[in-house]
Amino acid sequence: MGQSETPLKKFVRVTGVRSGRYVEFEFSVNDADLTVELILQFAAFEEFCTLQEAVRLTPEAGVAGELEKLAWRVRQPGLLRRVQANSEDDLPRPPRA
């Protein structure tokens, strides 16, 4: 079968931090209701998101602080702000009047 010309939209939502070293997250393709739960070390998570060109959705409420602490440990401060900014950029905007 031929491949579709429509690009796939990929999404990542951080759901937790485990042992202060691993990022737990959900990954979905074209359907936010159908996800796969994954766990990767922080650096591997960053690489995964880049390679998949995934849109990073805002993390679950209780996870934001843990994720920011992990980001500081691996010298990536401000990660949460970047994720939130990317999420806002991907929201549909109302037409201008």
Protein backbone atom coordinates (compact mmCIF):
# COMPACT_ATOMS: atom_id res chain seq x y z
CA MET A 1 0.00 0.00 0.00
CA GLY A 2 1.14 3.56 -0.69
CA GLN A 3 2.06 5.92 2.09
CA SER A 4 -0.15 8.89 2.82
CA GLU A 5 1.20 12.33 2.02
CA THR A 6 -0.45 13.72 5.16
CA PRO A 7 2.16 14.20 7.92
CA LEU A 8 1.45 12.45 11.20
CA LYS A 9 0.98 14.65 14.27
CA LYS A 10 2.85 13.24 17.27
CA PHE A 11 2.32 14.25 20.89
CA VAL A 12 4.15 13.72 24.18
CA ARG A 13 2.76 14.37 27.68
CA VAL A 14 4.99 13.89 30.72
CA THR A 15 3.13 11.98 33.43
CA GLY A 16 5.86 11.48 36.02
CA VAL A 17 9.48 11.34 37.08
CA ARG A 18 10.82 8.09 38.49
CA SER A 19 13.85 7.77 40.80
CA GLY A 20 14.85 11.33 39.93
CA ARG A 21 16.38 10.06 36.66
CA TYR A 22 13.65 8.79 34.37
CA VAL A 23 10.84 10.57 32.57
CA GLU A 24 7.49 8.76 32.35
CA PHE A 25 5.40 9.94 29.43
CA GLU A 26 2.58 9.16 27.04
CA PHE A 27 3.22 9.17 23.29
CA SER A 28 0.44 9.40 20.73
CA VAL A 29 0.18 9.67 16.97
CA ASN A 30 -2.78 11.50 15.40
CA ASP A 31 -5.14 10.43 18.22
CA ALA A 32 -4.72 11.86 21.72
CA ASP A 33 -7.01 9.15 23.12
CA LEU A 34 -4.73 6.32 21.99
CA THR A 35 -1.39 6.51 23.81
CA VAL A 36 1.61 4.37 24.65
CA GLU A 37 3.25 4.82 28.05
CA LEU A 38 7.04 4.96 27.93
CA ILE A 39 9.93 5.56 30.36
CA LEU A 40 13.30 6.95 29.25
CA GLN A 41 16.28 8.65 30.85
CA PHE A 42 16.06 12.42 30.49
CA ALA A 43 18.63 12.71 27.66
CA ALA A 44 16.98 9.85 25.74
CA PHE A 45 13.58 11.49 26.25
CA GLU A 46 14.87 14.77 24.78
CA GLU A 47 16.34 12.90 21.79
CA PHE A 48 13.12 10.89 21.30
CA CYS A 49 11.01 14.07 21.21
CA THR A 50 13.38 15.70 18.72
CA LEU A 51 13.55 12.68 16.40
CA GLN A 52 9.76 12.20 16.48
CA GLU A 53 9.16 15.95 16.04
CA ALA A 54 6.58 15.55 18.80
CA VAL A 55 4.47 18.39 20.17
CA ARG A 56 5.06 18.54 23.91
CA LEU A 57 1.81 18.92 25.77
CA THR A 58 1.67 20.52 29.21
CA PRO A 59 2.66 17.96 31.87
CA GLU A 60 0.13 16.66 34.39
CA ALA A 61 -0.32 19.09 37.30
CA GLY A 62 1.53 17.17 40.01
CA VAL A 63 4.51 16.42 37.80
CA ALA A 64 5.63 19.91 36.82
CA GLY A 65 7.84 20.48 39.90
CA GLU A 66 9.52 17.09 39.65
CA LEU A 67 10.21 17.59 35.94
CA GLU A 68 11.79 21.00 36.56
CA LYS A 69 14.05 19.52 39.29
CA LEU A 70 15.15 16.79 36.90
CA ALA A 71 15.81 19.38 34.19
CA TRP A 72 18.09 21.32 36.55
CA ARG A 73 19.99 18.14 37.46
CA VAL A 74 20.80 17.47 33.83
CA ARG A 75 21.55 21.13 33.13
CA GLN A 76 18.40 21.90 31.15
CA PRO A 77 16.76 24.59 33.37
CA GLY A 78 13.63 26.19 32.03
CA LEU A 79 12.41 23.00 30.34
CA LEU A 80 8.90 23.38 31.74
CA ARG A 81 8.62 26.96 30.42
CA ARG A 82 9.72 25.78 26.95
CA VAL A 83 7.19 22.93 27.00
CA GLN A 84 4.38 25.27 28.04
CA ALA A 85 5.38 27.83 25.40
CA ASN A 86 5.41 25.11 22.70
CA SER A 87 1.99 23.87 23.84
CA GLU A 88 0.54 27.38 23.59
CA ASP A 89 2.03 27.83 20.10
CA ASP A 90 0.22 24.71 18.90
CA LEU A 91 -3.23 25.79 20.11
CA PRO A 92 -5.63 26.99 17.40
CA ARG A 93 -5.97 30.74 17.40
CA PRO A 94 -9.24 32.57 16.77
CA PRO A 95 -9.38 34.58 13.53
CA ARG A 96 -8.55 38.25 13.84
CA ALA A 97 -11.37 40.70 13.37
